[in-house]
């Protein structure tokens, strides 16, 4: 992105990304629970959008999307689920942001780290999400639930890799969507066409 988008365009874009994350989260909630999976283990498709925000727009935008997702959870599933989701989301979002800055911005000087890519970032952040949720659930329940940790790490790595792969596939579409809000030349042309 060559030009820095105006605050209004940025707010609109973050609003759209948040809506997409909430829609994916809602669709995923309709999938029945798989009996052999531990509690809290899920694909996490909404993290595709969160990771795109972390990679493309930085920490404040990432936190905004996570907060909107948590507010949706508050309305749909209650305070406890919202707080657990928020803890997992914050831990995961911070990991996404930090890893994207360490690996994807390295360019030619940091080829080994660049190969880590979206799948690596997504897998690690999914594990962080599960750890954050488990810690919050343990505090909420007043008992240690860390017996689930090995399973949540395993499924976090597995599902996070899937989510990272999905991001790689849909990235061109997300970038085209972003270009509408960040390309000032295109926006000026559109506004002139509307005026005529």
N, C-alpha and C. Protein backbone atom coordinates (compact mmCIF):
# COMPACT_ATOMS: atom_id res chain seq x y z
N UNK A 1 0.85 -1.19 0.00
CA UNK A 1 0.00 0.00 0.00
C UNK A 1 0.88 1.24 0.00
N UNK A 2 0.86 1.96 -1.10
CA UNK A 2 1.74 3.11 -1.23
C UNK A 2 1.26 4.29 -0.43
N UNK A 3 -0.01 4.58 -0.56
CA UNK A 3 -0.57 5.73 0.14
C UNK A 3 -1.20 5.28 1.45
N UNK A 4 -1.02 6.10 2.47
CA UNK A 4 -1.65 5.80 3.76
C UNK A 4 -3.13 6.14 3.67
N UNK A 5 -4.02 5.20 3.95
CA UNK A 5 -5.45 5.49 3.84
C UNK A 5 -5.89 6.50 4.89
N UNK A 6 -6.95 7.25 4.53
CA UNK A 6 -7.49 8.21 5.48
C UNK A 6 -8.13 7.47 6.65
N UNK A 7 -8.27 8.13 7.80
CA UNK A 7 -8.89 7.46 8.96
C UNK A 7 -10.28 6.90 8.65
N UNK A 8 -11.06 7.63 7.86
CA UNK A 8 -12.42 7.17 7.54
C UNK A 8 -12.38 5.87 6.74
N UNK A 9 -11.50 5.81 5.74
CA UNK A 9 -11.37 4.57 4.95
C UNK A 9 -10.89 3.43 5.84
N UNK A 10 -9.97 3.73 6.72
CA UNK A 10 -9.41 2.68 7.60
C UNK A 10 -10.49 2.13 8.54
N UNK A 11 -11.30 3.02 9.11
CA UNK A 11 -12.38 2.59 9.99
C UNK A 11 -13.38 1.73 9.22
N UNK A 12 -13.71 2.16 8.00
CA UNK A 12 -14.65 1.39 7.18
C UNK A 12 -14.09 0.00 6.86
N UNK A 13 -12.81 -0.06 6.52
CA UNK A 13 -12.19 -1.34 6.20
C UNK A 13 -12.16 -2.26 7.42
N UNK A 14 -11.78 -1.71 8.58
CA UNK A 14 -11.75 -2.52 9.80
C UNK A 14 -13.15 -3.00 10.16
N UNK A 15 -14.16 -2.16 9.89
CA UNK A 15 -15.55 -2.57 10.11
C UNK A 15 -15.93 -3.75 9.23
N UNK A 16 -15.51 -3.72 7.97
CA UNK A 16 -15.81 -4.82 7.05
C UNK A 16 -15.07 -6.08 7.47
N UNK A 17 -13.79 -5.95 7.81
CA UNK A 17 -13.02 -7.11 8.27
C UNK A 17 -13.63 -7.71 9.53
N UNK A 18 -14.08 -6.85 10.45
CA UNK A 18 -14.72 -7.34 11.68
C UNK A 18 -16.00 -8.09 11.36
N UNK A 19 -16.79 -7.56 10.43
CA UNK A 19 -18.03 -8.22 10.03
C UNK A 19 -17.73 -9.59 9.41
N UNK A 20 -16.68 -9.65 8.60
CA UNK A 20 -16.30 -10.93 7.99
C UNK A 20 -15.86 -11.94 9.06
N UNK A 21 -15.08 -11.46 10.04
CA UNK A 21 -14.63 -12.34 11.11
C UNK A 21 -15.81 -12.86 11.93
N UNK A 22 -16.76 -11.99 12.22
CA UNK A 22 -17.95 -12.39 12.98
C UNK A 22 -18.78 -13.39 12.17
N UNK A 23 -18.93 -13.14 10.87
CA UNK A 23 -19.71 -14.05 10.02
C UNK A 23 -19.06 -15.44 9.98
N UNK A 24 -17.73 -15.49 9.85
CA UNK A 24 -17.03 -16.78 9.83
C UNK A 24 -17.16 -17.49 11.19
N UNK A 25 -17.07 -16.70 12.26
CA UNK A 25 -17.22 -17.27 13.59
C UNK A 25 -18.62 -17.86 13.79
N UNK A 26 -19.63 -17.13 13.30
CA UNK A 26 -21.01 -17.62 13.41
C UNK A 26 -21.20 -18.89 12.59
N UNK A 27 -20.71 -18.91 11.36
CA UNK A 27 -20.84 -20.09 10.50
C UNK A 27 -20.16 -21.30 11.13
N UNK A 28 -19.00 -21.06 11.74
CA UNK A 28 -18.28 -22.16 12.38
C UNK A 28 -19.03 -22.68 13.61
N UNK A 29 -19.77 -21.80 14.28
CA UNK A 29 -20.53 -22.24 15.46
C UNK A 29 -21.68 -23.16 15.08
N UNK A 30 -22.07 -23.16 13.81
CA UNK A 30 -23.15 -24.03 13.35
C UNK A 30 -22.67 -25.46 13.09
N UNK A 31 -21.34 -25.65 13.01
CA UNK A 31 -20.79 -26.98 12.79
C UNK A 31 -20.91 -27.77 14.10
N UNK A 32 -21.49 -28.94 14.08
CA UNK A 32 -21.63 -29.72 15.32
C UNK A 32 -20.27 -30.09 15.91
N UNK A 33 -20.21 -30.17 17.23
CA UNK A 33 -18.96 -30.54 17.91
C UNK A 33 -18.59 -31.98 17.57
N UNK A 34 -17.30 -32.19 17.33
CA UNK A 34 -16.79 -33.54 17.04
C UNK A 34 -16.49 -34.21 18.37
N UNK A 35 -17.03 -35.40 18.63
CA UNK A 35 -16.92 -36.03 19.96
C UNK A 35 -15.49 -36.22 20.48
N UNK A 36 -14.54 -36.58 19.61
CA UNK A 36 -13.19 -36.90 20.11
C UNK A 36 -12.31 -35.67 20.32
N UNK A 37 -12.80 -34.48 19.92
CA UNK A 37 -12.00 -33.27 20.10
C UNK A 37 -12.15 -32.75 21.52
N UNK A 38 -11.06 -32.22 22.12
CA UNK A 38 -11.18 -31.63 23.46
C UNK A 38 -11.97 -30.33 23.40
N UNK A 39 -12.57 -29.89 24.52
CA UNK A 39 -13.31 -28.63 24.53
C UNK A 39 -12.42 -27.47 24.09
N UNK A 40 -12.97 -26.62 23.23
CA UNK A 40 -12.22 -25.45 22.76
C UNK A 40 -11.44 -25.69 21.49
N UNK A 41 -11.30 -26.93 21.05
CA UNK A 41 -10.58 -27.23 19.80
C UNK A 41 -11.52 -27.03 18.62
N UNK A 42 -11.22 -26.06 17.78
CA UNK A 42 -12.02 -25.83 16.58
C UNK A 42 -11.13 -25.24 15.50
N UNK A 43 -11.65 -25.20 14.29
CA UNK A 43 -10.86 -24.79 13.14
C UNK A 43 -10.41 -23.33 13.23
N UNK A 44 -11.27 -22.45 13.69
CA UNK A 44 -10.90 -21.04 13.86
C UNK A 44 -10.79 -20.28 12.55
N UNK A 45 -11.81 -20.44 11.68
CA UNK A 45 -11.77 -19.78 10.37
C UNK A 45 -11.74 -18.26 10.46
N UNK A 46 -12.35 -17.70 11.51
CA UNK A 46 -12.35 -16.24 11.63
C UNK A 46 -10.94 -15.69 11.82
N UNK A 47 -10.01 -16.56 12.25
CA UNK A 47 -8.63 -16.11 12.41
C UNK A 47 -7.94 -15.82 11.09
N UNK A 48 -8.54 -16.28 9.97
CA UNK A 48 -8.04 -15.90 8.65
C UNK A 48 -8.07 -14.38 8.52
N UNK A 49 -9.20 -13.79 8.92
CA UNK A 49 -9.38 -12.34 8.81
C UNK A 49 -8.50 -11.62 9.84
N UNK A 50 -8.44 -12.17 11.05
CA UNK A 50 -7.61 -11.55 12.10
C UNK A 50 -6.15 -11.53 11.67
N UNK A 51 -5.68 -12.62 11.10
CA UNK A 51 -4.28 -12.68 10.68
C UNK A 51 -4.02 -11.73 9.51
N UNK A 52 -4.98 -11.60 8.61
CA UNK A 52 -4.83 -10.64 7.51
C UNK A 52 -4.69 -9.23 8.08
N UNK A 53 -5.50 -8.90 9.09
CA UNK A 53 -5.40 -7.58 9.73
C UNK A 53 -4.04 -7.40 10.39
N UNK A 54 -3.54 -8.44 11.06
CA UNK A 54 -2.25 -8.36 11.74
C UNK A 54 -1.11 -8.16 10.76
N UNK A 55 -1.16 -8.88 9.65
CA UNK A 55 -0.10 -8.81 8.65
C UNK A 55 -0.15 -7.49 7.88
N UNK A 56 -1.36 -7.01 7.58
CA UNK A 56 -1.51 -5.88 6.68
C UNK A 56 -1.62 -4.51 7.37
N UNK A 57 -2.21 -4.46 8.56
CA UNK A 57 -2.55 -3.16 9.14
C UNK A 57 -1.96 -2.89 10.52
N UNK A 58 -1.40 -3.89 11.16
CA UNK A 58 -0.76 -3.65 12.45
C UNK A 58 -1.62 -4.00 13.64
N UNK A 59 -1.06 -3.73 14.80
CA UNK A 59 -1.66 -4.18 16.06
C UNK A 59 -3.00 -3.52 16.40
N UNK A 60 -3.15 -2.19 16.29
CA UNK A 60 -4.44 -1.58 16.67
C UNK A 60 -5.62 -2.15 15.86
N UNK A 61 -5.42 -2.32 14.56
CA UNK A 61 -6.49 -2.87 13.73
C UNK A 61 -6.80 -4.31 14.10
N UNK A 62 -5.76 -5.08 14.40
CA UNK A 62 -5.94 -6.47 14.81
C UNK A 62 -6.74 -6.54 16.10
N UNK A 63 -6.39 -5.71 17.07
CA UNK A 63 -7.09 -5.70 18.35
C UNK A 63 -8.54 -5.27 18.18
N UNK A 64 -8.79 -4.35 17.24
CA UNK A 64 -10.16 -3.90 16.98
C UNK A 64 -11.02 -5.05 16.46
N UNK A 65 -10.48 -5.84 15.53
CA UNK A 65 -11.23 -6.98 14.99
C UNK A 65 -11.49 -8.01 16.10
N UNK A 66 -10.48 -8.27 16.92
CA UNK A 66 -10.63 -9.22 18.03
C UNK A 66 -11.70 -8.75 19.02
N UNK A 67 -11.71 -7.46 19.31
CA UNK A 67 -12.69 -6.91 20.25
C UNK A 67 -14.11 -7.05 19.70
N UNK A 68 -14.30 -6.77 18.42
CA UNK A 68 -15.63 -6.91 17.82
C UNK A 68 -16.08 -8.36 17.86
N UNK A 69 -15.17 -9.29 17.56
CA UNK A 69 -15.50 -10.72 17.66
C UNK A 69 -15.94 -11.08 19.08
N UNK A 70 -15.24 -10.54 20.07
CA UNK A 70 -15.57 -10.84 21.47
C UNK A 70 -16.92 -10.25 21.85
N UNK A 71 -17.24 -9.07 21.33
CA UNK A 71 -18.56 -8.48 21.60
C UNK A 71 -19.66 -9.33 21.00
N UNK A 72 -19.42 -9.88 19.82
CA UNK A 72 -20.40 -10.79 19.21
C UNK A 72 -20.59 -12.03 20.09
N UNK A 73 -19.49 -12.57 20.60
CA UNK A 73 -19.57 -13.74 21.48
C UNK A 73 -20.33 -13.40 22.75
N UNK A 74 -20.12 -12.19 23.27
CA UNK A 74 -20.84 -11.74 24.47
C UNK A 74 -22.34 -11.76 24.23
N UNK A 75 -22.77 -11.25 23.09
CA UNK A 75 -24.20 -11.20 22.77
C UNK A 75 -24.74 -12.60 22.51
N UNK A 76 -23.97 -13.43 21.81
CA UNK A 76 -24.46 -14.74 21.38
C UNK A 76 -24.35 -15.82 22.45
N UNK A 77 -23.26 -15.77 23.27
CA UNK A 77 -23.01 -16.90 24.17
C UNK A 77 -22.77 -16.51 25.62
N UNK A 78 -22.75 -15.21 25.93
CA UNK A 78 -22.63 -14.80 27.32
C UNK A 78 -21.25 -14.31 27.71
N UNK A 79 -21.17 -13.79 28.94
CA UNK A 79 -19.97 -13.13 29.43
C UNK A 79 -18.78 -14.08 29.56
N UNK A 80 -19.00 -15.25 30.11
CA UNK A 80 -17.90 -16.19 30.34
C UNK A 80 -17.24 -16.59 29.03
N UNK A 81 -18.05 -16.95 28.03
CA UNK A 81 -17.50 -17.33 26.72
C UNK A 81 -16.79 -16.16 26.07
N UNK A 82 -17.33 -14.94 26.25
CA UNK A 82 -16.70 -13.76 25.66
C UNK A 82 -15.33 -13.48 26.27
N UNK A 83 -15.22 -13.60 27.59
CA UNK A 83 -13.94 -13.35 28.26
C UNK A 83 -12.90 -14.41 27.89
N UNK A 84 -13.35 -15.66 27.82
CA UNK A 84 -12.43 -16.74 27.43
C UNK A 84 -11.96 -16.52 25.98
N UNK A 85 -12.90 -16.18 25.10
CA UNK A 85 -12.54 -15.90 23.71
C UNK A 85 -11.64 -14.69 23.58
N UNK A 86 -11.90 -13.66 24.39
CA UNK A 86 -11.08 -12.45 24.34
C UNK A 86 -9.65 -12.74 24.77
N UNK A 87 -9.49 -13.51 25.85
CA UNK A 87 -8.13 -13.86 26.32
C UNK A 87 -7.37 -14.64 25.24
N UNK A 88 -8.04 -15.63 24.65
CA UNK A 88 -7.41 -16.38 23.57
C UNK A 88 -7.10 -15.51 22.38
N UNK A 89 -8.05 -14.64 22.02
CA UNK A 89 -7.87 -13.76 20.87
C UNK A 89 -6.72 -12.77 21.06
N UNK A 90 -6.62 -12.19 22.26
CA UNK A 90 -5.54 -11.22 22.52
C UNK A 90 -4.18 -11.89 22.47
N UNK A 91 -4.06 -13.06 23.10
CA UNK A 91 -2.80 -13.78 23.10
C UNK A 91 -2.41 -14.17 21.66
N UNK A 92 -3.39 -14.65 20.92
CA UNK A 92 -3.17 -15.05 19.53
C UNK A 92 -2.84 -13.85 18.65
N UNK A 93 -3.59 -12.75 18.82
CA UNK A 93 -3.36 -11.55 18.01
C UNK A 93 -1.97 -10.96 18.23
N UNK A 94 -1.52 -10.94 19.48
CA UNK A 94 -0.17 -10.44 19.76
C UNK A 94 0.89 -11.33 19.11
N UNK A 95 0.65 -12.65 19.15
CA UNK A 95 1.58 -13.58 18.50
C UNK A 95 1.60 -13.37 16.99
N UNK A 96 0.42 -13.21 16.39
CA UNK A 96 0.34 -12.96 14.95
C UNK A 96 1.11 -11.72 14.55
N UNK A 97 0.87 -10.64 15.30
CA UNK A 97 1.52 -9.37 14.98
C UNK A 97 3.04 -9.48 15.11
N UNK A 98 3.50 -10.05 16.22
CA UNK A 98 4.94 -10.16 16.45
C UNK A 98 5.61 -11.05 15.41
N UNK A 99 5.00 -12.20 15.13
CA UNK A 99 5.59 -13.12 14.16
C UNK A 99 5.57 -12.56 12.74
N UNK A 100 4.51 -11.83 12.40
CA UNK A 100 4.46 -11.24 11.06
C UNK A 100 5.56 -10.20 10.87
N UNK A 101 5.87 -9.47 11.94
CA UNK A 101 6.94 -8.47 11.85
C UNK A 101 8.32 -9.14 11.80
N UNK A 102 8.47 -10.25 12.50
CA UNK A 102 9.75 -10.95 12.54
C UNK A 102 10.03 -11.74 11.27
N UNK A 103 8.98 -12.27 10.64
CA UNK A 103 9.20 -13.18 9.51
C UNK A 103 8.88 -12.57 8.16
N UNK A 104 7.71 -11.96 8.02
CA UNK A 104 7.28 -11.52 6.70
C UNK A 104 7.93 -10.22 6.26
N UNK A 105 8.44 -9.43 7.18
CA UNK A 105 9.06 -8.16 6.81
C UNK A 105 10.57 -8.28 6.60
N UNK A 106 11.09 -9.52 6.73
CA UNK A 106 12.54 -9.71 6.63
C UNK A 106 13.09 -9.57 5.23
N UNK A 107 12.27 -9.88 4.21
CA UNK A 107 12.71 -9.78 2.84
C UNK A 107 13.87 -10.72 2.53
N UNK A 108 14.76 -10.25 1.66
CA UNK A 108 15.87 -11.07 1.22
C UNK A 108 16.89 -11.35 2.30
N UNK A 109 16.99 -10.50 3.30
CA UNK A 109 17.98 -10.69 4.37
C UNK A 109 17.59 -11.82 5.32
N UNK A 110 16.34 -12.19 5.31
CA UNK A 110 15.84 -13.13 6.30
C UNK A 110 15.03 -14.25 5.63
N UNK A 111 15.64 -14.90 4.63
CA UNK A 111 14.91 -15.87 3.81
C UNK A 111 14.38 -17.05 4.62
N UNK A 112 15.16 -17.55 5.56
CA UNK A 112 14.72 -18.68 6.38
C UNK A 112 13.48 -18.34 7.16
N UNK A 113 13.44 -17.14 7.75
CA UNK A 113 12.27 -16.71 8.52
C UNK A 113 11.09 -16.47 7.60
N UNK A 114 11.34 -15.94 6.40
CA UNK A 114 10.25 -15.66 5.47
C UNK A 114 9.54 -16.94 5.06
N UNK A 115 10.28 -18.05 4.99
CA UNK A 115 9.68 -19.34 4.65
C UNK A 115 8.70 -19.81 5.73
N UNK A 116 8.86 -19.30 6.92
CA UNK A 116 7.95 -19.63 8.03
C UNK A 116 6.52 -19.29 7.61
N UNK A 117 6.36 -18.12 7.00
CA UNK A 117 5.14 -17.72 6.32
C UNK A 117 3.85 -17.79 7.09
N UNK A 118 2.76 -17.74 6.32
CA UNK A 118 1.42 -17.68 6.90
C UNK A 118 1.06 -18.95 7.66
N UNK A 119 1.47 -20.10 7.16
CA UNK A 119 1.13 -21.35 7.84
C UNK A 119 1.80 -21.41 9.20
N UNK A 120 3.08 -21.04 9.26
CA UNK A 120 3.80 -21.04 10.54
C UNK A 120 3.21 -20.06 11.53
N UNK A 121 2.92 -18.85 11.06
CA UNK A 121 2.32 -17.82 11.93
C UNK A 121 0.97 -18.30 12.45
N UNK A 122 0.17 -18.86 11.56
CA UNK A 122 -1.17 -19.30 11.94
C UNK A 122 -1.11 -20.46 12.93
N UNK A 123 -0.19 -21.40 12.71
CA UNK A 123 -0.08 -22.55 13.62
C UNK A 123 0.34 -22.12 15.01
N UNK A 124 1.35 -21.25 15.10
CA UNK A 124 1.82 -20.78 16.41
C UNK A 124 0.75 -19.95 17.11
N UNK A 125 0.09 -19.07 16.35
CA UNK A 125 -0.93 -18.22 16.98
C UNK A 125 -2.15 -19.03 17.40
N UNK A 126 -2.46 -20.13 16.68
CA UNK A 126 -3.56 -20.99 17.10
C UNK A 126 -3.25 -21.67 18.42
N UNK A 127 -2.00 -22.09 18.59
CA UNK A 127 -1.58 -22.67 19.87
C UNK A 127 -1.68 -21.61 20.97
N UNK A 128 -1.24 -20.39 20.67
CA UNK A 128 -1.34 -19.30 21.66
C UNK A 128 -2.79 -19.02 22.01
N UNK A 129 -3.67 -19.08 21.01
CA UNK A 129 -5.10 -18.86 21.25
C UNK A 129 -5.64 -19.91 22.22
N UNK A 130 -5.27 -21.17 21.98
CA UNK A 130 -5.74 -22.25 22.85
C UNK A 130 -5.20 -22.12 24.27
N UNK A 131 -3.93 -21.71 24.39
CA UNK A 131 -3.33 -21.53 25.72
C UNK A 131 -4.03 -20.38 26.46
N UNK A 132 -4.28 -19.28 25.74
CA UNK A 132 -4.98 -18.15 26.36
C UNK A 132 -6.37 -18.52 26.82
N UNK A 133 -7.10 -19.27 25.99
CA UNK A 133 -8.44 -19.70 26.36
C UNK A 133 -8.40 -20.66 27.56
N UNK A 134 -7.43 -21.57 27.54
CA UNK A 134 -7.32 -22.54 28.63
C UNK A 134 -7.00 -21.86 29.96
N UNK A 135 -6.12 -20.86 29.92
CA UNK A 135 -5.78 -20.12 31.14
C UNK A 135 -7.01 -19.39 31.67
N UNK A 136 -7.76 -18.73 30.77
CA UNK A 136 -8.97 -18.00 31.18
C UNK A 136 -10.03 -18.96 31.71
N UNK A 137 -10.18 -20.11 31.05
CA UNK A 137 -11.17 -21.10 31.50
C UNK A 137 -10.81 -21.67 32.86
N UNK A 138 -9.50 -21.85 33.11
CA UNK A 138 -9.05 -22.36 34.40
C UNK A 138 -9.37 -21.39 35.52
N UNK A 139 -9.15 -20.09 35.26
CA UNK A 139 -9.46 -19.06 36.25
C UNK A 139 -10.97 -19.01 36.48
N UNK A 140 -11.73 -19.08 35.39
CA UNK A 140 -13.19 -19.01 35.48
C UNK A 140 -13.77 -20.21 36.24
N UNK A 141 -13.22 -21.39 35.98
CA UNK A 141 -13.73 -22.61 36.62
C UNK A 141 -13.18 -22.79 38.03
N UNK A 142 -12.10 -22.07 38.35
CA UNK A 142 -11.48 -22.21 39.67
C UNK A 142 -10.72 -23.51 39.84
N UNK A 143 -10.38 -24.14 38.73
CA UNK A 143 -9.62 -25.39 38.79
C UNK A 143 -8.69 -25.47 37.58
N UNK A 144 -7.63 -26.23 37.72
CA UNK A 144 -6.67 -26.36 36.63
C UNK A 144 -7.20 -27.28 35.55
N UNK A 145 -7.18 -26.79 34.31
CA UNK A 145 -7.65 -27.57 33.17
C UNK A 145 -6.50 -27.91 32.22
N UNK A 146 -5.26 -27.81 32.72
CA UNK A 146 -4.11 -27.93 31.83
C UNK A 146 -3.83 -29.37 31.39
N UNK A 147 -4.64 -30.33 31.84
CA UNK A 147 -4.52 -31.69 31.30
C UNK A 147 -4.87 -31.71 29.82
N UNK A 148 -5.69 -30.72 29.40
CA UNK A 148 -6.08 -30.61 27.99
C UNK A 148 -4.97 -30.02 27.13
N UNK A 149 -3.95 -29.43 27.76
CA UNK A 149 -2.96 -28.65 27.02
C UNK A 149 -2.28 -29.41 25.89
N UNK A 150 -1.78 -30.64 26.10
CA UNK A 150 -1.12 -31.34 24.98
C UNK A 150 -2.05 -31.52 23.77
N UNK A 151 -3.32 -31.82 24.04
CA UNK A 151 -4.28 -32.01 22.95
C UNK A 151 -4.56 -30.69 22.22
N UNK A 152 -4.67 -29.61 23.01
CA UNK A 152 -4.94 -28.30 22.41
C UNK A 152 -3.74 -27.81 21.59
N UNK A 153 -2.54 -28.13 22.02
CA UNK A 153 -1.35 -27.77 21.23
C UNK A 153 -1.35 -28.53 19.91
N UNK A 154 -1.64 -29.82 19.99
CA UNK A 154 -1.68 -30.66 18.78
C UNK A 154 -2.72 -30.15 17.79
N UNK A 155 -3.95 -29.95 18.28
CA UNK A 155 -5.00 -29.50 17.39
C UNK A 155 -4.79 -28.05 16.95
N UNK A 156 -4.16 -27.24 17.81
CA UNK A 156 -3.83 -25.88 17.42
C UNK A 156 -2.86 -25.86 16.24
N UNK A 157 -1.84 -26.71 16.28
CA UNK A 157 -0.88 -26.79 15.18
C UNK A 157 -1.56 -27.28 13.90
N UNK A 158 -2.42 -28.28 14.06
CA UNK A 158 -3.11 -28.85 12.90
C UNK A 158 -4.09 -27.85 12.29
N UNK A 159 -5.00 -27.33 13.11
CA UNK A 159 -6.02 -26.42 12.59
C UNK A 159 -5.41 -25.08 12.18
N UNK A 160 -4.38 -24.64 12.90
CA UNK A 160 -3.70 -23.40 12.53
C UNK A 160 -3.04 -23.51 11.17
N UNK A 161 -2.50 -24.68 10.85
CA UNK A 161 -1.89 -24.90 9.53
C UNK A 161 -2.95 -24.82 8.43
N UNK A 162 -4.13 -25.37 8.72
CA UNK A 162 -5.24 -25.29 7.76
C UNK A 162 -5.65 -23.84 7.55
N UNK A 163 -5.79 -23.10 8.64
CA UNK A 163 -6.19 -21.70 8.56
C UNK A 163 -5.16 -20.87 7.80
N UNK A 164 -3.88 -21.13 8.04
CA UNK A 164 -2.82 -20.42 7.31
C UNK A 164 -2.87 -20.72 5.82
N UNK A 165 -3.18 -21.97 5.48
CA UNK A 165 -3.32 -22.35 4.07
C UNK A 165 -4.50 -21.63 3.43
N UNK A 166 -5.62 -21.56 4.16
CA UNK A 166 -6.80 -20.85 3.66
C UNK A 166 -6.46 -19.37 3.41
N UNK A 167 -5.72 -18.76 4.34
CA UNK A 167 -5.34 -17.36 4.15
C UNK A 167 -4.53 -17.20 2.87
N UNK A 168 -3.59 -18.10 2.63
CA UNK A 168 -2.80 -18.03 1.41
C UNK A 168 -3.65 -18.08 0.15
N UNK A 169 -4.76 -18.85 0.21
CA UNK A 169 -5.65 -18.98 -0.94
C UNK A 169 -6.50 -17.73 -1.15
N UNK A 170 -7.05 -17.19 -0.06
CA UNK A 170 -7.98 -16.05 -0.17
C UNK A 170 -7.27 -14.70 -0.12
N UNK A 171 -5.96 -14.70 0.07
CA UNK A 171 -5.22 -13.44 0.20
C UNK A 171 -5.42 -12.49 -0.98
N UNK A 172 -5.38 -12.97 -2.23
CA UNK A 172 -5.61 -12.04 -3.35
C UNK A 172 -6.96 -11.32 -3.26
N UNK A 173 -8.01 -12.05 -2.86
CA UNK A 173 -9.34 -11.43 -2.74
C UNK A 173 -9.35 -10.40 -1.62
N UNK A 174 -8.71 -10.72 -0.48
CA UNK A 174 -8.66 -9.77 0.63
C UNK A 174 -7.86 -8.52 0.24
N UNK A 175 -6.81 -8.70 -0.53
CA UNK A 175 -6.02 -7.54 -0.97
C UNK A 175 -6.80 -6.67 -1.95
N UNK A 176 -7.59 -7.31 -2.84
CA UNK A 176 -8.42 -6.52 -3.76
C UNK A 176 -9.45 -5.72 -2.99
N UNK A 177 -10.05 -6.36 -1.97
CA UNK A 177 -11.01 -5.66 -1.12
C UNK A 177 -10.35 -4.47 -0.44
N UNK A 178 -9.14 -4.67 0.05
CA UNK A 178 -8.40 -3.62 0.73
C UNK A 178 -8.07 -2.47 -0.21
N UNK A 179 -7.76 -2.79 -1.48
CA UNK A 179 -7.37 -1.77 -2.44
C UNK A 179 -8.47 -0.74 -2.66
N UNK A 180 -9.73 -1.17 -2.52
CA UNK A 180 -10.85 -0.25 -2.67
C UNK A 180 -10.76 0.88 -1.64
N UNK A 181 -10.27 0.54 -0.43
CA UNK A 181 -10.23 1.51 0.66
C UNK A 181 -8.89 2.25 0.76
N UNK A 182 -7.86 1.73 0.12
CA UNK A 182 -6.54 2.33 0.32
C UNK A 182 -5.97 2.99 -0.92
N UNK A 183 -6.50 2.69 -2.10
CA UNK A 183 -5.98 3.27 -3.33
C UNK A 183 -6.69 4.59 -3.60
N UNK A 184 -6.01 5.68 -3.30
CA UNK A 184 -6.63 7.01 -3.42
C UNK A 184 -6.97 7.36 -4.85
N UNK A 185 -6.12 6.91 -5.80
CA UNK A 185 -6.37 7.22 -7.21
C UNK A 185 -7.67 6.58 -7.67
N UNK A 186 -7.88 5.32 -7.31
CA UNK A 186 -9.11 4.63 -7.70
C UNK A 186 -10.32 5.29 -7.06
N UNK A 187 -10.18 5.69 -5.80
CA UNK A 187 -11.30 6.33 -5.10
C UNK A 187 -11.65 7.67 -5.73
N UNK A 188 -10.62 8.42 -6.17
CA UNK A 188 -10.88 9.71 -6.82
C UNK A 188 -11.61 9.50 -8.14
N UNK A 189 -11.19 8.48 -8.91
CA UNK A 189 -11.84 8.18 -10.18
C UNK A 189 -13.29 7.81 -9.95
N UNK A 190 -13.53 6.97 -8.92
CA UNK A 190 -14.90 6.55 -8.62
C UNK A 190 -15.77 7.74 -8.23
N UNK A 191 -15.20 8.65 -7.43
CA UNK A 191 -15.99 9.80 -6.99
C UNK A 191 -16.31 10.72 -8.18
N UNK A 192 -15.38 10.84 -9.15
CA UNK A 192 -15.62 11.67 -10.33
C UNK A 192 -16.72 11.08 -11.19
N UNK A 193 -16.69 9.74 -11.33
CA UNK A 193 -17.71 9.06 -12.12
C UNK A 193 -19.09 9.27 -11.49
N UNK A 194 -19.15 9.20 -10.16
CA UNK A 194 -20.42 9.40 -9.47
C UNK A 194 -20.94 10.83 -9.64
N UNK A 195 -20.01 11.81 -9.66
CA UNK A 195 -20.40 13.20 -9.78
C UNK A 195 -20.96 13.52 -11.16
N UNK A 196 -20.53 12.77 -12.19
CA UNK A 196 -20.94 13.09 -13.58
C UNK A 196 -22.31 12.60 -13.92
